[in-house]
Amino acid sequence: MRPAGVVRRVDQLGRIVLPKSLRKRYQMNEGDPVEILVQGDHIILERYRPRCVFCASMEQVAEFKDKFVCAACLNDMHAIVNR
């Protein structure tokens, strides 16, 4: 990933503004959830995508009782219940 070369200042409340060109490029809209990750001394912003609580997969994830579970884990649980 190449740096975009955009500099923004942090305001009094700790906020930064993502430039419209970046929001458009990465399809980020007002109200979209953003995940904040830390790797070493880097802060990374990503569009939030739910992950399975069991295996961390982001494929075929569905919400169940305020938790996210993927289809593969659901199938595994179904197999355990039907033994």
PDB file of N, CA and C in Angstrom:
ATOM      1  N   MET A   1       0.852  -1.173   0.000  1.00  0.00           N
ATOM      2  CA  MET A   1       0.000   0.000   0.000  1.00  0.00           C
ATOM      3  C   MET A   1       0.896   1.233   0.000  1.00  0.00           C
ATOM      4  N   ARG A   2       0.700   2.114  -0.942  1.00  0.00           N
ATOM      5  CA  ARG A   2       1.480   3.350  -1.021  1.00  0.00           C
ATOM      6  C   ARG A   2       0.836   4.445  -0.201  1.00  0.00           C
ATOM      7  N   PRO A   3       1.641   5.238   0.487  1.00  0.00           N
ATOM      8  CA  PRO A   3       1.073   6.388   1.203  1.00  0.00           C
ATOM      9  C   PRO A   3       0.407   7.345   0.218  1.00  0.00           C
ATOM     10  N   ALA A   4      -0.704   7.916   0.629  1.00  0.00           N
ATOM     11  CA  ALA A   4      -1.442   8.822  -0.245  1.00  0.00           C
ATOM     12  C   ALA A   4      -0.852  10.229  -0.231  1.00  0.00           C
ATOM     13  N   GLY A   5       0.018  10.534   0.727  1.00  0.00           N
ATOM     14  CA  GLY A   5       0.641  11.847   0.778  1.00  0.00           C
ATOM     15  C   GLY A   5      -0.272  12.944   1.281  1.00  0.00           C
ATOM     16  N   VAL A   6      -1.311  12.598   2.035  1.00  0.00           N
ATOM     17  CA  VAL A   6      -2.252  13.581   2.559  1.00  0.00           C
ATOM     18  C   VAL A   6      -1.934  13.802   4.036  1.00  0.00           C
ATOM     19  N   VAL A   7      -1.806  15.072   4.435  1.00  0.00           N
ATOM     20  CA  VAL A   7      -1.525  15.399   5.832  1.00  0.00           C
ATOM     21  C   VAL A   7      -2.743  16.097   6.418  1.00  0.00           C
ATOM     22  N   ARG A   8      -3.180  15.637   7.562  1.00  0.00           N
ATOM     23  CA  ARG A   8      -4.297  16.250   8.286  1.00  0.00           C
ATOM     24  C   ARG A   8      -3.886  16.427   9.734  1.00  0.00           C
ATOM     25  N   ARG A   9      -4.395  17.441  10.376  1.00  0.00           N
ATOM     26  CA  ARG A   9      -4.117  17.679  11.793  1.00  0.00           C
ATOM     27  C   ARG A   9      -5.231  17.077  12.642  1.00  0.00           C
ATOM     28  N   VAL A  10      -4.855  16.620  13.815  1.00  0.00           N
ATOM     29  CA  VAL A  10      -5.814  16.108  14.790  1.00  0.00           C
ATOM     30  C   VAL A  10      -6.410  17.314  15.509  1.00  0.00           C
ATOM     31  N   ASP A  11      -7.749  17.362  15.626  1.00  0.00           N
ATOM     32  CA  ASP A  11      -8.370  18.501  16.309  1.00  0.00           C
ATOM     33  C   ASP A  11      -8.386  18.292  17.823  1.00  0.00           C
ATOM     34  N   GLN A  12      -8.973  19.243  18.561  1.00  0.00           N
ATOM     35  CA  GLN A  12      -9.007  19.204  20.029  1.00  0.00           C
ATOM     36  C   GLN A  12      -9.668  17.945  20.569  1.00  0.00           C
ATOM     37  N   LEU A  13     -10.595  17.367  19.819  1.00  0.00           N
ATOM     38  CA  LEU A  13     -11.319  16.182  20.274  1.00  0.00           C
ATOM     39  C   LEU A  13     -10.693  14.886  19.762  1.00  0.00           C
ATOM     40  N   GLY A  14      -9.525  14.985  19.118  1.00  0.00           N
ATOM     41  CA  GLY A  14      -8.843  13.799  18.629  1.00  0.00           C
ATOM     42  C   GLY A  14      -9.323  13.311  17.273  1.00  0.00           C
ATOM     43  N   ARG A  15     -10.067  14.152  16.557  1.00  0.00           N
ATOM     44  CA  ARG A  15     -10.623  13.743  15.266  1.00  0.00           C
ATOM     45  C   ARG A  15      -9.719  14.176  14.120  1.00  0.00           C
ATOM     46  N   ILE A  16      -9.809  13.412  13.034  1.00  0.00           N
ATOM     47  CA  ILE A  16      -9.199  13.819  11.772  1.00  0.00           C
ATOM     48  C   ILE A  16     -10.270  13.700  10.703  1.00  0.00           C
ATOM     49  N   VAL A  17     -10.112  14.443   9.631  1.00  0.00           N
ATOM     50  CA  VAL A  17     -11.056  14.389   8.521  1.00  0.00           C
ATOM     51  C   VAL A  17     -10.393  13.640   7.373  1.00  0.00           C
ATOM     52  N   LEU A  18     -11.072  12.623   6.886  1.00  0.00           N
ATOM     53  CA  LEU A  18     -10.579  11.914   5.701  1.00  0.00           C
ATOM     54  C   LEU A  18     -11.001  12.711   4.471  1.00  0.00           C
ATOM     55  N   PRO A  19     -10.071  13.043   3.608  1.00  0.00           N
ATOM     56  CA  PRO A  19     -10.424  13.822   2.417  1.00  0.00           C
ATOM     57  C   PRO A  19     -11.480  13.116   1.570  1.00  0.00           C
ATOM     58  N   LYS A  20     -12.319  13.921   0.934  1.00  0.00           N
ATOM     59  CA  LYS A  20     -13.403  13.383   0.118  1.00  0.00           C
ATOM     60  C   LYS A  20     -12.873  12.438  -0.959  1.00  0.00           C
ATOM     61  N   SER A  21     -11.729  12.771  -1.539  1.00  0.00           N
ATOM     62  CA  SER A  21     -11.176  11.919  -2.597  1.00  0.00           C
ATOM     63  C   SER A  21     -10.844  10.521  -2.072  1.00  0.00           C
ATOM     64  N   LEU A  22     -10.346  10.414  -0.834  1.00  0.00           N
ATOM     65  CA  LEU A  22     -10.061   9.100  -0.248  1.00  0.00           C
ATOM     66  C   LEU A  22     -11.343   8.353   0.097  1.00  0.00           C
ATOM     67  N   ARG A  23     -12.321   9.087   0.672  1.00  0.00           N
ATOM     68  CA  ARG A  23     -13.595   8.437   1.009  1.00  0.00           C
ATOM     69  C   ARG A  23     -14.255   7.890  -0.243  1.00  0.00           C
ATOM     70  N   LYS A  24     -14.198   8.659  -1.320  1.00  0.00           N
ATOM     71  CA  LYS A  24     -14.800   8.219  -2.584  1.00  0.00           C
ATOM     72  C   LYS A  24     -14.046   7.016  -3.148  1.00  0.00           C
ATOM     73  N   ARG A  25     -12.724   7.098  -3.141  1.00  0.00           N
ATOM     74  CA  ARG A  25     -11.890   6.020  -3.684  1.00  0.00           C
ATOM     75  C   ARG A  25     -12.115   4.701  -2.957  1.00  0.00           C
ATOM     76  N   TYR A  26     -12.293   4.765  -1.643  1.00  0.00           N
ATOM     77  CA  TYR A  26     -12.473   3.548  -0.843  1.00  0.00           C
ATOM     78  C   TYR A  26     -13.921   3.294  -0.451  1.00  0.00           C
ATOM     79  N   GLN A  27     -14.831   3.984  -1.121  1.00  0.00           N
ATOM     80  CA  GLN A  27     -16.276   3.790  -0.946  1.00  0.00           C
ATOM     81  C   GLN A  27     -16.692   3.860   0.524  1.00  0.00           C
ATOM     82  N   MET A  28     -16.257   4.921   1.188  1.00  0.00           N
ATOM     83  CA  MET A  28     -16.621   5.150   2.587  1.00  0.00           C
ATOM     84  C   MET A  28     -17.636   6.279   2.631  1.00  0.00           C
ATOM     85  N   ASN A  29     -18.776   6.004   3.267  1.00  0.00           N
ATOM     86  CA  ASN A  29     -19.848   6.986   3.351  1.00  0.00           C
ATOM     87  C   ASN A  29     -20.067   7.401   4.796  1.00  0.00           C
ATOM     88  N   GLU A  30     -20.752   8.525   4.958  1.00  0.00           N
ATOM     89  CA  GLU A  30     -21.078   9.005   6.299  1.00  0.00           C
ATOM     90  C   GLU A  30     -21.825   7.907   7.067  1.00  0.00           C
ATOM     91  N   GLY A  31     -21.383   7.652   8.279  1.00  0.00           N
ATOM     92  CA  GLY A  31     -22.034   6.653   9.120  1.00  0.00           C
ATOM     93  C   GLY A  31     -21.466   5.250   8.970  1.00  0.00           C
ATOM     94  N   ASP A  32     -20.599   5.016   7.980  1.00  0.00           N
ATOM     95  CA  ASP A  32     -19.997   3.693   7.813  1.00  0.00           C
ATOM     96  C   ASP A  32     -19.069   3.397   8.990  1.00  0.00           C
ATOM     97  N   PRO A  33     -19.083   2.164   9.489  1.00  0.00           N
ATOM     98  CA  PRO A  33     -18.159   1.820  10.571  1.00  0.00           C
ATOM     99  C   PRO A  33     -16.727   1.698  10.039  1.00  0.00           C
ATOM    100  N   VAL A  34     -15.775   2.142  10.846  1.00  0.00           N
ATOM    101  CA  VAL A  34     -14.361   2.089  10.501  1.00  0.00           C
ATOM    102  C   VAL A  34     -13.636   1.377  11.634  1.00  0.00           C
ATOM    103  N   GLU A  35     -12.780   0.438  11.272  1.00  0.00           N
ATOM    104  CA  GLU A  35     -11.999  -0.296  12.260  1.00  0.00           C
ATOM    105  C   GLU A  35     -10.623   0.357  12.370  1.00  0.00           C
ATOM    106  N   ILE A  36     -10.143   0.538  13.596  1.00  0.00           N
ATOM    107  CA  ILE A  36      -8.841   1.136  13.834  1.00  0.00           C
ATOM    108  C   ILE A  36      -7.907   0.031  14.300  1.00  0.00           C
ATOM    109  N   LEU A  37      -6.852  -0.211  13.508  1.00  0.00           N
ATOM    110  CA  LEU A  37      -5.884  -1.256  13.818  1.00  0.00           C
ATOM    111  C   LEU A  37      -4.538  -0.622  14.130  1.00  0.00           C
ATOM    112  N   VAL A  38      -3.757  -1.279  14.976  1.00  0.00           N
ATOM    113  CA  VAL A  38      -2.425  -0.797  15.305  1.00  0.00           C
ATOM    114  C   VAL A  38      -1.429  -1.907  14.987  1.00  0.00           C
ATOM    115  N   GLN A  39      -0.422  -1.573  14.194  1.00  0.00           N
ATOM    116  CA  GLN A  39       0.668  -2.506  13.881  1.00  0.00           C
ATOM    117  C   GLN A  39       1.968  -1.767  14.139  1.00  0.00           C
ATOM    118  N   GLY A  40       2.633  -2.134  15.228  1.00  0.00           N
ATOM    119  CA  GLY A  40       3.852  -1.428  15.606  1.00  0.00           C
ATOM    120  C   GLY A  40       3.529   0.019  15.902  1.00  0.00           C
ATOM    121  N   ASP A  41       4.177   0.937  15.187  1.00  0.00           N
ATOM    122  CA  ASP A  41       3.895   2.363  15.403  1.00  0.00           C
ATOM    123  C   ASP A  41       3.000   2.938  14.300  1.00  0.00           C
ATOM    124  N   HIS A  42       2.281   2.052  13.589  1.00  0.00           N
ATOM    125  CA  HIS A  42       1.365   2.477  12.524  1.00  0.00           C
ATOM    126  C   HIS A  42      -0.081   2.339  12.982  1.00  0.00           C
ATOM    127  N   ILE A  43      -0.884   3.324  12.647  1.00  0.00           N
ATOM    128  CA  ILE A  43      -2.329   3.281  12.875  1.00  0.00           C
ATOM    129  C   ILE A  43      -2.974   3.089  11.510  1.00  0.00           C
ATOM    130  N   ILE A  44      -3.817   2.055  11.398  1.00  0.00           N
ATOM    131  CA  ILE A  44      -4.432   1.713  10.119  1.00  0.00           C
ATOM    132  C   ILE A  44      -5.942   1.826  10.249  1.00  0.00           C
ATOM    133  N   LEU A  45      -6.563   2.522   9.310  1.00  0.00           N
ATOM    134  CA  LEU A  45      -8.012   2.634   9.258  1.00  0.00           C
ATOM    135  C   LEU A  45      -8.520   1.723   8.144  1.00  0.00           C
ATOM    136  N   GLU A  46      -9.528   0.909   8.449  1.00  0.00           N
ATOM    137  CA  GLU A  46     -10.142   0.033   7.451  1.00  0.00           C
ATOM    138  C   GLU A  46     -11.651   0.142   7.555  1.00  0.00           C
ATOM    139  N   ARG A  47     -12.309  -0.040   6.410  1.00  0.00           N
ATOM    140  CA  ARG A  47     -13.765  -0.201   6.475  1.00  0.00           C
ATOM    141  C   ARG A  47     -14.025  -1.436   7.312  1.00  0.00           C
ATOM    142  N   TYR A  48     -14.955  -1.351   8.237  1.00  0.00           N
ATOM    143  CA  TYR A  48     -15.258  -2.484   9.106  1.00  0.00           C
ATOM    144  C   TYR A  48     -16.005  -3.554   8.332  1.00  0.00           C
ATOM    145  N   ARG A  49     -15.538  -4.772   8.451  1.00  0.00           N
ATOM    146  CA  ARG A  49     -16.242  -5.926   7.895  1.00  0.00           C
ATOM    147  C   ARG A  49     -16.329  -6.953   9.016  1.00  0.00           C
ATOM    148  N   PRO A  50     -17.528  -7.432   9.314  1.00  0.00           N
ATOM    149  CA  PRO A  50     -17.667  -8.379  10.427  1.00  0.00           C
ATOM    150  C   PRO A  50     -16.887  -9.665  10.193  1.00  0.00           C
ATOM    151  N   ARG A  51     -16.370 -10.219  11.283  1.00  0.00           N
ATOM    152  CA  ARG A  51     -15.625 -11.481  11.246  1.00  0.00           C
ATOM    153  C   ARG A  51     -16.316 -12.490  12.143  1.00  0.00           C
ATOM    154  N   CYS A  52     -16.169 -13.747  11.796  1.00  0.00           N
ATOM    155  CA  CYS A  52     -16.718 -14.837  12.596  1.00  0.00           C
ATOM    156  C   CYS A  52     -16.054 -14.834  13.983  1.00  0.00           C
ATOM    157  N   VAL A  53     -16.864 -14.970  15.027  1.00  0.00           N
ATOM    158  CA  VAL A  53     -16.320 -14.980  16.393  1.00  0.00           C
ATOM    159  C   VAL A  53     -15.495 -16.225  16.670  1.00  0.00           C
ATOM    160  N   PHE A  54     -15.662 -17.273  15.885  1.00  0.00           N
ATOM    161  CA  PHE A  54     -14.941 -18.521  16.120  1.00  0.00           C
ATOM    162  C   PHE A  54     -13.646 -18.623  15.319  1.00  0.00           C
ATOM    163  N   CYS A  55     -13.687 -18.305  14.029  1.00  0.00           N
ATOM    164  CA  CYS A  55     -12.512 -18.527  13.171  1.00  0.00           C
ATOM    165  C   CYS A  55     -11.971 -17.249  12.532  1.00  0.00           C
ATOM    166  N   ALA A  56     -12.629 -16.121  12.745  1.00  0.00           N
ATOM    167  CA  ALA A  56     -12.234 -14.813  12.208  1.00  0.00           C
ATOM    168  C   ALA A  56     -12.403 -14.688  10.688  1.00  0.00           C
ATOM    169  N   SER A  57     -13.095 -15.620  10.063  1.00  0.00           N
ATOM    170  CA  SER A  57     -13.357 -15.531   8.628  1.00  0.00           C
ATOM    171  C   SER A  57     -14.286 -14.349   8.342  1.00  0.00           C
ATOM    172  N   MET A  58     -14.120 -13.754   7.162  1.00  0.00           N
ATOM    173  CA  MET A  58     -15.014 -12.679   6.727  1.00  0.00           C
ATOM    174  C   MET A  58     -15.923 -13.154   5.598  1.00  0.00           C
ATOM    175  N   GLU A  59     -15.861 -14.444   5.275  1.00  0.00           N
ATOM    176  CA  GLU A  59     -16.658 -15.017   4.194  1.00  0.00           C
ATOM    177  C   GLU A  59     -17.984 -15.545   4.723  1.00  0.00           C
ATOM    178  N   GLN A  60     -19.070 -15.226   4.060  1.00  0.00           N
ATOM    179  CA  GLN A  60     -20.411 -15.723   4.379  1.00  0.00           C
ATOM    180  C   GLN A  60     -20.731 -15.589   5.869  1.00  0.00           C
ATOM    181  N   VAL A  61     -20.585 -14.388   6.384  1.00  0.00           N
ATOM    182  CA  VAL A  61     -20.823 -14.119   7.807  1.00  0.00           C
ATOM    183  C   VAL A  61     -22.250 -13.616   8.000  1.00  0.00           C
ATOM    184  N   ALA A  62     -22.913 -14.177   9.003  1.00  0.00           N
ATOM    185  CA  ALA A  62     -24.274 -13.757   9.338  1.00  0.00           C
ATOM    186  C   ALA A  62     -24.323 -13.397  10.819  1.00  0.00           C
ATOM    187  N   GLU A  63     -25.220 -12.480  11.168  1.00  0.00           N
ATOM    188  CA  GLU A  63     -25.365 -12.069  12.563  1.00  0.00           C
ATOM    189  C   GLU A  63     -26.357 -12.982  13.270  1.00  0.00           C
ATOM    190  N   PHE A  64     -25.994 -13.425  14.463  1.00  0.00           N
ATOM    191  CA  PHE A  64     -26.856 -14.257  15.285  1.00  0.00           C
ATOM    192  C   PHE A  64     -26.702 -13.814  16.733  1.00  0.00           C
ATOM    193  N   LYS A  65     -27.775 -13.290  17.303  1.00  0.00           N
ATOM    194  CA  LYS A  65     -27.784 -12.812  18.691  1.00  0.00           C
ATOM    195  C   LYS A  65     -26.605 -11.888  18.987  1.00  0.00           C
ATOM    196  N   ASP A  66     -26.465 -10.857  18.162  1.00  0.00           N
ATOM    197  CA  ASP A  66     -25.430  -9.834  18.304  1.00  0.00           C
ATOM    198  C   ASP A  66     -24.003 -10.347  18.128  1.00  0.00           C
ATOM    199  N   LYS A  67     -23.838 -11.523  17.549  1.00  0.00           N
ATOM    200  CA  LYS A  67     -22.523 -12.079  17.238  1.00  0.00           C
ATOM    201  C   LYS A  67     -22.507 -12.435  15.759  1.00  0.00           C
ATOM    202  N   PHE A  68     -21.327 -12.487  15.175  1.00  0.00           N
ATOM    203  CA  PHE A  68     -21.194 -12.855  13.775  1.00  0.00           C
ATOM    204  C   PHE A  68     -20.589 -14.246  13.671  1.00  0.00           C
ATOM    205  N   VAL A  69     -21.209 -15.094  12.844  1.00  0.00           N
ATOM    206  CA  VAL A  69     -20.777 -16.482  12.666  1.00  0.00           C
ATOM    207  C   VAL A  69     -20.762 -16.790  11.169  1.00  0.00           C
ATOM    208  N   CYS A  70     -19.700 -17.458  10.713  1.00  0.00           N
ATOM    209  CA  CYS A  70     -19.616 -17.799   9.289  1.00  0.00           C
ATOM    210  C   CYS A  70     -20.359 -19.102   9.003  1.00  0.00           C
ATOM    211  N   ALA A  71     -20.629 -19.334   7.732  1.00  0.00           N
ATOM    212  CA  ALA A  71     -21.374 -20.521   7.312  1.00  0.00           C
ATOM    213  C   ALA A  71     -20.630 -21.805   7.666  1.00  0.00           C
ATOM    214  N   ALA A  72     -19.308 -21.814   7.534  1.00  0.00           N
ATOM    215  CA  ALA A  72     -18.528 -23.014   7.840  1.00  0.00           C
ATOM    216  C   ALA A  72     -18.656 -23.381   9.324  1.00  0.00           C
ATOM    217  N   CYS A  73     -18.567 -22.410  10.213  1.00  0.00           N
ATOM    218  CA  CYS A  73     -18.698 -22.686  11.649  1.00  0.00           C
ATOM    219  C   CYS A  73     -20.124 -23.102  11.996  1.00  0.00           C
ATOM    220  N   LEU A  74     -21.108 -22.492  11.332  1.00  0.00           N
ATOM    221  CA  LEU A  74     -22.496 -22.913  11.549  1.00  0.00           C
ATOM    222  C   LEU A  74     -22.680 -24.374  11.157  1.00  0.00           C
ATOM    223  N   ASN A  75     -22.094 -24.772  10.030  1.00  0.00           N
ATOM    224  CA  ASN A  75     -22.175 -26.171   9.603  1.00  0.00           C
ATOM    225  C   ASN A  75     -21.499 -27.097  10.615  1.00  0.00           C
ATOM    226  N   ASP A  76     -20.342 -26.688  11.127  1.00  0.00           N
ATOM    227  CA  ASP A  76     -19.637 -27.483  12.138  1.00  0.00           C
ATOM    228  C   ASP A  76     -20.488 -27.635  13.401  1.00  0.00           C
ATOM    229  N   MET A  77     -21.122 -26.539  13.827  1.00  0.00           N
ATOM    230  CA  MET A  77     -21.971 -26.611  15.026  1.00  0.00           C
ATOM    231  C   MET A  77     -23.185 -27.506  14.783  1.00  0.00           C
ATOM    232  N   HIS A  78     -23.744 -27.385  13.597  1.00  0.00           N
ATOM    233  CA  HIS A  78     -24.893 -28.227  13.247  1.00  0.00           C
ATOM    234  C   HIS A  78     -24.517 -29.698  13.291  1.00  0.00           C
ATOM    235  N   ALA A  79     -23.322 -30.046  12.809  1.00  0.00           N
ATOM    236  CA  ALA A  79     -22.858 -31.426  12.821  1.00  0.00           C
ATOM    237  C   ALA A  79     -22.679 -31.931  14.249  1.00  0.00           C
ATOM    238  N   ILE A  80     -22.203 -31.074  15.145  1.00  0.00           N
ATOM    239  CA  ILE A  80     -22.021 -31.472  16.540  1.00  0.00           C
ATOM    240  C   ILE A  80     -23.363 -31.729  17.205  1.00  0.00           C
ATOM    241  N   VAL A  81     -24.329 -30.867  16.953  1.00  0.00           N
ATOM    242  CA  VAL A  81     -25.652 -31.004  17.559  1.00  0.00           C
ATOM    243  C   VAL A  81     -26.353 -32.278  17.072  1.00  0.00           C
ATOM    244  N   ASN A  82     -26.134 -32.641  15.831  1.00  0.00           N
ATOM    245  CA  ASN A  82     -26.831 -33.786  15.239  1.00  0.00           C
ATOM    246  C   ASN A  82     -26.066 -35.101  15.357  1.00  0.00           C
ATOM    247  N   ARG A  83     -25.117 -35.205  16.241  1.00  0.00           N
ATOM    248  CA  ARG A  83     -24.382 -36.474  16.451  1.00  0.00           C
ATOM    249  C   ARG A  83     -25.241 -37.468  17.158  1.00  0.00           C
TER     250      ARG A  83
END
